């Protein structure tokens, strides 16, 4: 009796989850890996005169959800929203939250973190630096080789983040 009820509940939950709009700020289909990065790039697009900022590995549904979410933050007209977004973006890109801010800073920070993920994944040395790209690639290689490095192997929080991202994403993107 419990198994059919559990299956029915699981199916209802899955259908309910998939029918909701994708928002990375809540548990959703856009809340992880390249899906989240696509969503955040959509938000960043709203702060960049709607430039096409789709990453190479893109979830179009999540990117479109971000495009819809970004203008809502801009429309709220927080004082200094563009500056807060830019500051947050810079902090997210270096993996250092140096400020506490409002919604625009938080959106910028998340967009910067997405750029860090994308830059590491796409080996974009100009965006994230050589240390991050090498750390990401080492994380992937360690996962595929069944090993892992000590956190003391990385002298910067950003490189450690990129290494862990490579470890985490390797099962999703085996080559």
N, C-alpha and C. Protein backbone atom coordinates (compact mmCIF):
# COMPACT_ATOMS: atom_id res chain seq x y z
N UNK A 1 0.82 -1.19 0.00
CA UNK A 1 0.00 0.00 0.00
C UNK A 1 0.87 1.26 0.00
N UNK A 2 1.96 1.23 0.75
CA UNK A 2 2.80 2.42 0.83
C UNK A 2 3.56 2.69 -0.47
N UNK A 3 3.97 1.65 -1.16
CA UNK A 3 4.75 1.82 -2.39
C UNK A 3 3.91 2.52 -3.46
N UNK A 4 2.66 2.09 -3.76
CA UNK A 4 1.88 2.82 -4.76
C UNK A 4 1.62 4.27 -4.34
N UNK A 5 1.42 4.51 -3.06
CA UNK A 5 1.19 5.87 -2.58
C UNK A 5 2.46 6.70 -2.76
N UNK A 6 3.61 6.12 -2.45
CA UNK A 6 4.89 6.81 -2.62
C UNK A 6 5.14 7.11 -4.09
N UNK A 7 4.85 6.15 -4.97
CA UNK A 7 5.02 6.38 -6.40
C UNK A 7 4.10 7.47 -6.92
N UNK A 8 2.87 7.47 -6.45
CA UNK A 8 1.92 8.51 -6.87
C UNK A 8 2.39 9.88 -6.39
N UNK A 9 2.87 9.95 -5.16
CA UNK A 9 3.36 11.22 -4.62
C UNK A 9 4.58 11.69 -5.41
N UNK A 10 5.51 10.76 -5.71
CA UNK A 10 6.70 11.11 -6.47
C UNK A 10 6.35 11.62 -7.87
N UNK A 11 5.41 10.96 -8.52
CA UNK A 11 4.98 11.38 -9.86
C UNK A 11 4.33 12.76 -9.80
N UNK A 12 3.49 12.99 -8.81
CA UNK A 12 2.84 14.30 -8.68
C UNK A 12 3.86 15.39 -8.41
N UNK A 13 4.85 15.08 -7.58
CA UNK A 13 5.91 16.06 -7.29
C UNK A 13 6.70 16.37 -8.55
N UNK A 14 7.06 15.35 -9.31
CA UNK A 14 7.83 15.56 -10.54
C UNK A 14 7.04 16.39 -11.54
N UNK A 15 5.78 16.09 -11.72
CA UNK A 15 4.95 16.85 -12.66
C UNK A 15 4.80 18.29 -12.19
N UNK A 16 4.59 18.46 -10.90
CA UNK A 16 4.46 19.81 -10.35
C UNK A 16 5.73 20.61 -10.50
N UNK A 17 6.87 19.97 -10.29
CA UNK A 17 8.15 20.64 -10.41
C UNK A 17 8.42 21.05 -11.85
N UNK A 18 8.14 20.16 -12.79
CA UNK A 18 8.42 20.45 -14.19
C UNK A 18 7.48 21.48 -14.77
N UNK A 19 6.31 21.65 -14.18
CA UNK A 19 5.36 22.61 -14.73
C UNK A 19 5.57 24.02 -14.20
N UNK A 20 6.45 24.18 -13.22
CA UNK A 20 6.72 25.49 -12.64
C UNK A 20 7.73 26.23 -13.51
N UNK A 21 7.67 27.56 -13.53
CA UNK A 21 8.69 28.30 -14.27
C UNK A 21 10.05 28.11 -13.62
N UNK A 22 11.08 28.10 -14.44
CA UNK A 22 12.43 27.85 -13.95
C UNK A 22 13.01 29.11 -13.35
N UNK A 23 13.38 29.06 -12.08
CA UNK A 23 14.05 30.15 -11.40
C UNK A 23 15.19 29.56 -10.59
N UNK A 24 16.39 30.06 -10.78
CA UNK A 24 17.54 29.50 -10.06
C UNK A 24 17.52 29.89 -8.60
N UNK A 25 16.74 30.89 -8.22
CA UNK A 25 16.70 31.31 -6.83
C UNK A 25 15.91 30.33 -5.97
N UNK A 26 15.25 29.39 -6.56
CA UNK A 26 14.53 28.36 -5.83
C UNK A 26 14.98 27.01 -6.36
N UNK A 27 14.60 25.93 -5.68
CA UNK A 27 14.94 24.60 -6.16
C UNK A 27 14.19 24.38 -7.46
N UNK A 28 14.92 24.22 -8.53
CA UNK A 28 14.28 24.10 -9.83
C UNK A 28 15.21 23.42 -10.82
N UNK A 29 14.71 23.27 -12.02
CA UNK A 29 15.51 22.66 -13.08
C UNK A 29 16.73 23.49 -13.44
N UNK A 30 16.73 24.76 -13.08
CA UNK A 30 17.86 25.63 -13.41
C UNK A 30 18.81 25.81 -12.23
N UNK A 31 18.68 25.00 -11.23
CA UNK A 31 19.45 25.22 -10.02
C UNK A 31 20.81 24.56 -9.96
N UNK A 32 21.32 24.00 -11.05
CA UNK A 32 22.56 23.26 -10.94
C UNK A 32 23.35 23.32 -12.24
N UNK A 33 24.66 23.32 -12.11
CA UNK A 33 25.60 23.20 -13.21
C UNK A 33 25.31 24.19 -14.34
N UNK A 34 25.40 23.72 -15.57
CA UNK A 34 25.27 24.63 -16.70
C UNK A 34 23.87 25.21 -16.83
N UNK A 35 22.87 24.56 -16.24
CA UNK A 35 21.51 25.11 -16.26
C UNK A 35 21.49 26.43 -15.49
N UNK A 36 22.08 26.40 -14.30
CA UNK A 36 22.15 27.60 -13.46
C UNK A 36 22.97 28.68 -14.15
N UNK A 37 24.07 28.28 -14.76
CA UNK A 37 24.92 29.25 -15.46
C UNK A 37 24.16 29.91 -16.60
N UNK A 38 23.36 29.14 -17.32
CA UNK A 38 22.55 29.70 -18.41
C UNK A 38 21.54 30.70 -17.87
N UNK A 39 20.90 30.35 -16.77
CA UNK A 39 19.94 31.26 -16.12
C UNK A 39 20.61 32.58 -15.73
N UNK A 40 21.76 32.46 -15.08
CA UNK A 40 22.47 33.67 -14.62
C UNK A 40 22.97 34.50 -15.80
N UNK A 41 23.38 33.87 -16.88
CA UNK A 41 23.77 34.62 -18.07
C UNK A 41 22.57 35.37 -18.65
N UNK A 42 21.38 34.77 -18.57
CA UNK A 42 20.17 35.48 -19.01
C UNK A 42 19.93 36.73 -18.19
N UNK A 43 20.09 36.62 -16.87
CA UNK A 43 19.93 37.79 -16.00
C UNK A 43 20.98 38.84 -16.35
N UNK A 44 22.23 38.40 -16.51
CA UNK A 44 23.30 39.36 -16.84
C UNK A 44 23.01 40.08 -18.16
N UNK A 45 22.37 39.39 -19.08
CA UNK A 45 22.02 40.00 -20.35
C UNK A 45 21.14 41.23 -20.15
N UNK A 46 20.23 41.16 -19.19
CA UNK A 46 19.35 42.30 -18.91
C UNK A 46 20.15 43.51 -18.42
N UNK A 47 21.27 43.26 -17.77
CA UNK A 47 22.12 44.34 -17.28
C UNK A 47 23.16 44.75 -18.32
N UNK A 48 23.13 44.11 -19.49
CA UNK A 48 24.10 44.37 -20.56
C UNK A 48 23.40 44.73 -21.86
N UNK A 49 22.35 45.52 -21.76
CA UNK A 49 21.59 45.96 -22.94
C UNK A 49 21.12 44.80 -23.80
N UNK A 50 20.71 43.72 -23.13
CA UNK A 50 20.18 42.52 -23.79
C UNK A 50 21.14 41.90 -24.80
N UNK A 51 22.44 41.97 -24.49
CA UNK A 51 23.44 41.30 -25.34
C UNK A 51 23.21 39.79 -25.30
N UNK A 52 23.55 39.11 -26.36
CA UNK A 52 23.43 37.66 -26.40
C UNK A 52 24.65 37.08 -25.68
N UNK A 53 24.44 36.58 -24.47
CA UNK A 53 25.52 36.08 -23.64
C UNK A 53 25.42 34.57 -23.41
N UNK A 54 24.78 33.89 -24.32
CA UNK A 54 24.61 32.44 -24.17
C UNK A 54 25.97 31.76 -24.13
N UNK A 55 26.16 30.88 -23.13
CA UNK A 55 27.41 30.11 -23.11
C UNK A 55 27.37 29.00 -24.17
N UNK A 56 28.52 28.42 -24.45
CA UNK A 56 28.57 27.33 -25.44
C UNK A 56 27.68 26.17 -25.04
N UNK A 57 27.73 25.79 -23.77
CA UNK A 57 26.85 24.76 -23.24
C UNK A 57 25.69 25.49 -22.58
N UNK A 58 24.57 25.57 -23.29
CA UNK A 58 23.46 26.42 -22.87
C UNK A 58 22.18 25.61 -22.69
N UNK A 59 21.43 25.94 -21.65
CA UNK A 59 20.07 25.45 -21.48
C UNK A 59 19.16 26.61 -21.86
N UNK A 60 18.57 26.55 -23.02
CA UNK A 60 17.82 27.69 -23.55
C UNK A 60 16.64 28.06 -22.66
N UNK A 61 15.96 27.08 -22.10
CA UNK A 61 14.83 27.38 -21.21
C UNK A 61 15.27 28.17 -19.99
N UNK A 62 16.41 27.81 -19.43
CA UNK A 62 16.93 28.52 -18.27
C UNK A 62 17.45 29.91 -18.66
N UNK A 63 18.07 30.00 -19.83
CA UNK A 63 18.53 31.31 -20.31
C UNK A 63 17.34 32.25 -20.48
N UNK A 64 16.26 31.74 -21.06
CA UNK A 64 15.06 32.56 -21.25
C UNK A 64 14.44 32.95 -19.92
N UNK A 65 14.47 32.04 -18.94
CA UNK A 65 13.95 32.36 -17.60
C UNK A 65 14.76 33.50 -16.99
N UNK A 66 16.08 33.48 -17.18
CA UNK A 66 16.93 34.56 -16.69
C UNK A 66 16.64 35.87 -17.40
N UNK A 67 16.40 35.79 -18.71
CA UNK A 67 16.04 37.00 -19.46
C UNK A 67 14.76 37.64 -18.90
N UNK A 68 13.83 36.80 -18.46
CA UNK A 68 12.58 37.33 -17.87
C UNK A 68 12.80 37.86 -16.47
N UNK A 69 13.73 37.27 -15.71
CA UNK A 69 13.95 37.67 -14.32
C UNK A 69 14.77 38.96 -14.22
N UNK A 70 15.75 39.14 -15.07
CA UNK A 70 16.62 40.32 -15.00
C UNK A 70 15.88 41.64 -15.02
N UNK A 71 14.97 41.84 -15.97
CA UNK A 71 14.25 43.12 -16.01
C UNK A 71 13.41 43.39 -14.75
N UNK A 72 12.99 42.35 -14.06
CA UNK A 72 12.24 42.55 -12.82
C UNK A 72 13.10 43.23 -11.77
N UNK A 73 14.37 42.83 -11.70
CA UNK A 73 15.29 43.46 -10.75
C UNK A 73 15.57 44.90 -11.16
N UNK A 74 15.75 45.11 -12.44
CA UNK A 74 16.02 46.47 -12.92
C UNK A 74 14.81 47.36 -12.68
N UNK A 75 13.62 46.81 -12.89
CA UNK A 75 12.38 47.59 -12.71
C UNK A 75 12.16 47.98 -11.26
N UNK A 76 12.73 47.23 -10.31
CA UNK A 76 12.56 47.56 -8.90
C UNK A 76 13.23 48.90 -8.56
N UNK A 77 14.12 49.32 -9.43
CA UNK A 77 14.78 50.63 -9.30
C UNK A 77 15.45 50.86 -7.95
N UNK A 78 16.17 49.85 -7.50
CA UNK A 78 16.97 50.07 -6.30
C UNK A 78 18.02 51.12 -6.63
N UNK A 79 18.27 52.00 -5.70
CA UNK A 79 19.27 53.04 -5.90
C UNK A 79 20.64 52.39 -6.12
N UNK A 80 21.28 52.70 -7.22
CA UNK A 80 22.60 52.16 -7.53
C UNK A 80 22.58 50.71 -7.98
N UNK A 81 21.47 50.24 -8.52
CA UNK A 81 21.34 48.84 -8.90
C UNK A 81 22.41 48.41 -9.90
N UNK A 82 22.65 49.20 -10.93
CA UNK A 82 23.66 48.83 -11.93
C UNK A 82 25.05 48.72 -11.30
N UNK A 83 25.39 49.68 -10.44
CA UNK A 83 26.69 49.63 -9.77
C UNK A 83 26.79 48.43 -8.84
N UNK A 84 25.72 48.16 -8.09
CA UNK A 84 25.72 47.01 -7.19
C UNK A 84 25.84 45.70 -7.97
N UNK A 85 25.16 45.62 -9.11
CA UNK A 85 25.26 44.43 -9.94
C UNK A 85 26.71 44.26 -10.42
N UNK A 86 27.33 45.33 -10.89
CA UNK A 86 28.72 45.26 -11.37
C UNK A 86 29.68 44.85 -10.27
N UNK A 87 29.51 45.41 -9.08
CA UNK A 87 30.36 45.05 -7.94
C UNK A 87 30.17 43.59 -7.58
N UNK A 88 28.93 43.15 -7.53
CA UNK A 88 28.63 41.75 -7.23
C UNK A 88 29.21 40.83 -8.28
N UNK A 89 29.10 41.22 -9.55
CA UNK A 89 29.64 40.40 -10.64
C UNK A 89 31.14 40.24 -10.49
N UNK A 90 31.83 41.32 -10.22
CA UNK A 90 33.29 41.25 -10.05
C UNK A 90 33.65 40.35 -8.86
N UNK A 91 32.91 40.46 -7.77
CA UNK A 91 33.18 39.62 -6.60
C UNK A 91 32.90 38.15 -6.90
N UNK A 92 31.83 37.86 -7.60
CA UNK A 92 31.51 36.48 -7.95
C UNK A 92 32.54 35.86 -8.86
N UNK A 93 33.08 36.65 -9.76
CA UNK A 93 34.07 36.17 -10.71
C UNK A 93 35.38 35.80 -10.03
N UNK A 94 35.68 36.43 -8.91
CA UNK A 94 36.92 36.09 -8.19
C UNK A 94 36.63 35.21 -6.96
N UNK A 95 35.38 34.80 -6.79
CA UNK A 95 35.00 33.91 -5.70
C UNK A 95 35.32 34.54 -4.35
N UNK A 96 34.95 35.81 -4.19
CA UNK A 96 35.21 36.51 -2.94
C UNK A 96 34.06 37.47 -2.66
N UNK A 97 33.17 37.08 -1.78
CA UNK A 97 32.05 37.94 -1.45
C UNK A 97 32.53 38.96 -0.43
N UNK A 98 32.86 40.14 -0.93
CA UNK A 98 33.45 41.17 -0.07
C UNK A 98 32.43 42.16 0.45
N UNK A 99 31.21 42.08 -0.02
CA UNK A 99 30.18 43.03 0.39
C UNK A 99 28.90 42.27 0.71
N UNK A 100 28.10 42.90 1.51
CA UNK A 100 26.74 42.40 1.60
C UNK A 100 25.91 43.46 0.90
N UNK A 101 25.00 43.03 0.13
CA UNK A 101 24.27 44.02 -0.64
C UNK A 101 22.84 43.60 -0.82
N UNK A 102 22.17 44.37 -1.58
CA UNK A 102 20.77 44.09 -1.86
C UNK A 102 20.63 43.10 -2.99
N UNK A 103 19.45 43.07 -3.54
CA UNK A 103 19.11 42.13 -4.59
C UNK A 103 20.02 42.28 -5.81
N UNK A 104 20.34 43.49 -6.20
CA UNK A 104 21.16 43.70 -7.40
C UNK A 104 22.59 43.19 -7.20
N UNK A 105 23.15 43.41 -6.00
CA UNK A 105 24.48 42.86 -5.71
C UNK A 105 24.43 41.34 -5.77
N UNK A 106 23.43 40.75 -5.15
CA UNK A 106 23.31 39.29 -5.13
C UNK A 106 23.16 38.72 -6.54
N UNK A 107 22.36 39.37 -7.37
CA UNK A 107 22.21 38.91 -8.76
C UNK A 107 23.53 39.02 -9.50
N UNK A 108 24.26 40.10 -9.28
CA UNK A 108 25.56 40.27 -9.90
C UNK A 108 26.57 39.23 -9.43
N UNK A 109 26.56 38.95 -8.13
CA UNK A 109 27.47 37.94 -7.58
C UNK A 109 27.20 36.58 -8.22
N UNK A 110 25.93 36.21 -8.30
CA UNK A 110 25.58 34.93 -8.92
C UNK A 110 25.96 34.90 -10.40
N UNK A 111 25.79 36.01 -11.09
CA UNK A 111 26.18 36.07 -12.50
C UNK A 111 27.70 35.96 -12.64
N UNK A 112 28.44 36.55 -11.72
CA UNK A 112 29.89 36.42 -11.73
C UNK A 112 30.33 35.00 -11.47
N UNK A 113 29.67 34.35 -10.52
CA UNK A 113 29.97 32.93 -10.26
C UNK A 113 29.66 32.08 -11.48
N UNK A 114 28.59 32.40 -12.18
CA UNK A 114 28.26 31.66 -13.41
C UNK A 114 29.35 31.88 -14.45
N UNK A 115 29.84 33.10 -14.58
CA UNK A 115 30.94 33.36 -15.51
C UNK A 115 32.20 32.59 -15.11
N UNK A 116 32.44 32.47 -13.81
CA UNK A 116 33.57 31.69 -13.34
C UNK A 116 33.40 30.22 -13.74
N UNK A 117 32.22 29.68 -13.55
CA UNK A 117 31.94 28.30 -13.96
C UNK A 117 32.14 28.12 -15.46
N UNK A 118 31.54 29.02 -16.22
CA UNK A 118 31.60 28.92 -17.68
C UNK A 118 33.05 29.07 -18.17
N UNK A 119 33.76 30.03 -17.61
CA UNK A 119 35.15 30.24 -18.01
C UNK A 119 36.02 29.03 -17.71
N UNK A 120 35.81 28.42 -16.55
CA UNK A 120 36.58 27.21 -16.21
C UNK A 120 36.21 26.07 -17.15
N UNK A 121 34.92 25.88 -17.37
CA UNK A 121 34.43 24.78 -18.22
C UNK A 121 34.89 24.94 -19.66
N UNK A 122 34.90 26.18 -20.16
CA UNK A 122 35.26 26.45 -21.55
C UNK A 122 36.74 26.78 -21.72
N UNK A 123 37.52 26.66 -20.64
CA UNK A 123 38.96 26.95 -20.66
C UNK A 123 39.25 28.35 -21.19
N UNK A 124 38.46 29.33 -20.72
CA UNK A 124 38.61 30.72 -21.14
C UNK A 124 39.58 31.42 -20.19
N UNK A 125 40.87 31.33 -20.52
CA UNK A 125 41.92 31.90 -19.68
C UNK A 125 41.76 33.40 -19.53
N UNK A 126 41.28 34.09 -20.55
CA UNK A 126 41.12 35.54 -20.47
C UNK A 126 40.05 35.93 -19.46
N UNK A 127 39.05 35.10 -19.29
CA UNK A 127 37.96 35.41 -18.36
C UNK A 127 38.31 35.02 -16.93
N UNK A 128 38.88 33.82 -16.72
CA UNK A 128 39.06 33.32 -15.36
C UNK A 128 40.51 33.10 -14.94
N UNK A 129 41.43 33.21 -15.88
CA UNK A 129 42.84 33.03 -15.55
C UNK A 129 43.31 31.59 -15.71
N UNK A 130 44.60 31.46 -15.90
CA UNK A 130 45.22 30.17 -16.14
C UNK A 130 45.09 29.24 -14.93
N UNK A 131 45.24 29.77 -13.72
CA UNK A 131 45.19 28.93 -12.52
C UNK A 131 43.83 28.25 -12.37
N UNK A 132 42.77 28.97 -12.66
CA UNK A 132 41.42 28.41 -12.57
C UNK A 132 41.21 27.33 -13.62
N UNK A 133 41.61 27.60 -14.83
CA UNK A 133 41.44 26.63 -15.92
C UNK A 133 42.22 25.36 -15.60
N UNK A 134 43.48 25.51 -15.16
CA UNK A 134 44.28 24.33 -14.82
C UNK A 134 43.67 23.56 -13.64
N UNK A 135 43.15 24.27 -12.64
CA UNK A 135 42.54 23.61 -11.49
C UNK A 135 41.29 22.85 -11.90
N UNK A 136 40.47 23.44 -12.76
CA UNK A 136 39.27 22.76 -13.25
C UNK A 136 39.66 21.48 -13.99
N UNK A 137 40.64 21.59 -14.87
CA UNK A 137 41.07 20.43 -15.65
C UNK A 137 41.68 19.35 -14.74
N UNK A 138 42.38 19.77 -13.70
CA UNK A 138 42.93 18.81 -12.74
C UNK A 138 41.80 18.12 -11.98
N UNK A 139 40.78 18.86 -11.61
CA UNK A 139 39.63 18.27 -10.93
C UNK A 139 38.96 17.22 -11.80
N UNK A 140 38.79 17.53 -13.07
CA UNK A 140 38.20 16.55 -14.01
C UNK A 140 39.09 15.31 -14.13
N UNK A 141 40.38 15.55 -14.30
CA UNK A 141 41.30 14.43 -14.46
C UNK A 141 41.34 13.57 -13.19
N UNK A 142 41.33 14.21 -12.03
CA UNK A 142 41.33 13.45 -10.78
C UNK A 142 40.08 12.62 -10.64
N UNK A 143 38.95 13.18 -10.99
CA UNK A 143 37.70 12.41 -10.90
C UNK A 143 37.76 11.21 -11.84
N UNK A 144 38.14 11.45 -13.07
CA UNK A 144 38.18 10.37 -14.06
C UNK A 144 39.23 9.32 -13.69
N UNK A 145 40.30 9.75 -12.98
CA UNK A 145 41.34 8.83 -12.56
C UNK A 145 41.07 8.19 -11.20
N UNK A 146 39.98 8.59 -10.56
CA UNK A 146 39.63 8.01 -9.27
C UNK A 146 40.47 8.51 -8.11
N UNK A 147 41.04 9.71 -8.25
CA UNK A 147 41.86 10.28 -7.18
C UNK A 147 41.31 11.66 -6.84
N UNK A 148 41.89 12.29 -5.83
CA UNK A 148 41.57 13.69 -5.54
C UNK A 148 42.78 14.33 -4.90
N UNK A 149 42.88 15.63 -5.06
CA UNK A 149 44.00 16.37 -4.50
C UNK A 149 43.61 16.92 -3.13
N UNK A 150 44.61 17.25 -2.36
CA UNK A 150 44.37 17.89 -1.07
C UNK A 150 44.02 19.36 -1.31
N UNK A 151 43.18 19.89 -0.46
CA UNK A 151 42.81 21.30 -0.62
C UNK A 151 44.02 22.21 -0.46
N UNK A 152 45.08 21.73 0.17
CA UNK A 152 46.28 22.54 0.34
C UNK A 152 47.07 22.66 -0.95
N UNK A 153 46.68 21.91 -1.99
CA UNK A 153 47.35 22.03 -3.28
C UNK A 153 47.01 23.34 -3.98
N UNK A 154 46.02 24.05 -3.49
CA UNK A 154 45.56 25.28 -4.14
C UNK A 154 45.72 26.43 -3.18
N UNK A 155 46.43 27.46 -3.61
CA UNK A 155 46.73 28.57 -2.72
C UNK A 155 45.73 29.70 -2.79
N UNK A 156 44.68 29.55 -3.57
CA UNK A 156 43.69 30.61 -3.69
C UNK A 156 42.29 29.99 -3.66
N UNK A 157 41.35 30.67 -3.01
CA UNK A 157 39.99 30.14 -2.96
C UNK A 157 39.39 29.91 -4.35
N UNK A 158 39.73 30.78 -5.29
CA UNK A 158 39.19 30.64 -6.64
C UNK A 158 39.70 29.37 -7.31
N UNK A 159 40.98 29.08 -7.17
CA UNK A 159 41.53 27.86 -7.77
C UNK A 159 40.92 26.62 -7.12
N UNK A 160 40.73 26.66 -5.81
CA UNK A 160 40.10 25.54 -5.12
C UNK A 160 38.65 25.37 -5.60
N UNK A 161 37.95 26.47 -5.78
CA UNK A 161 36.58 26.41 -6.30
C UNK A 161 36.57 25.77 -7.69
N UNK A 162 37.48 26.20 -8.56
CA UNK A 162 37.53 25.66 -9.92
C UNK A 162 37.88 24.18 -9.91
N UNK A 163 38.78 23.78 -9.02
CA UNK A 163 39.12 22.36 -8.90
C UNK A 163 37.89 21.55 -8.49
N UNK A 164 37.20 22.01 -7.46
CA UNK A 164 36.01 21.31 -6.99
C UNK A 164 34.91 21.28 -8.04
N UNK A 165 34.80 22.34 -8.82
CA UNK A 165 33.82 22.37 -9.91
C UNK A 165 34.15 21.28 -10.94
N UNK A 166 35.44 21.16 -11.27
CA UNK A 166 35.86 20.11 -12.20
C UNK A 166 35.55 18.72 -11.68
N UNK A 167 35.80 18.50 -10.38
CA UNK A 167 35.46 17.22 -9.76
C UNK A 167 33.95 16.97 -9.83
N UNK A 168 33.18 17.97 -9.48
CA UNK A 168 31.72 17.84 -9.41
C UNK A 168 31.09 17.61 -10.77
N UNK A 169 31.57 18.33 -11.78
CA UNK A 169 30.93 18.25 -13.09
C UNK A 169 31.38 17.06 -13.94
N UNK A 170 32.47 16.45 -13.59
CA UNK A 170 32.99 15.35 -14.42
C UNK A 170 31.99 14.24 -14.69
N UNK A 171 31.17 13.81 -13.72
CA UNK A 171 30.20 12.75 -14.04
C UNK A 171 29.16 13.20 -15.07
N UNK A 172 28.89 14.51 -15.15
CA UNK A 172 27.88 15.02 -16.08
C UNK A 172 28.44 15.17 -17.48
N UNK A 173 29.74 15.39 -17.58
CA UNK A 173 30.38 15.67 -18.87
C UNK A 173 31.56 14.75 -19.11
N UNK A 174 31.39 13.44 -19.08
CA UNK A 174 32.54 12.56 -19.34
C UNK A 174 32.95 12.70 -20.82
N UNK A 175 34.24 12.65 -21.05
CA UNK A 175 34.69 12.83 -22.43
C UNK A 175 35.26 11.61 -22.99
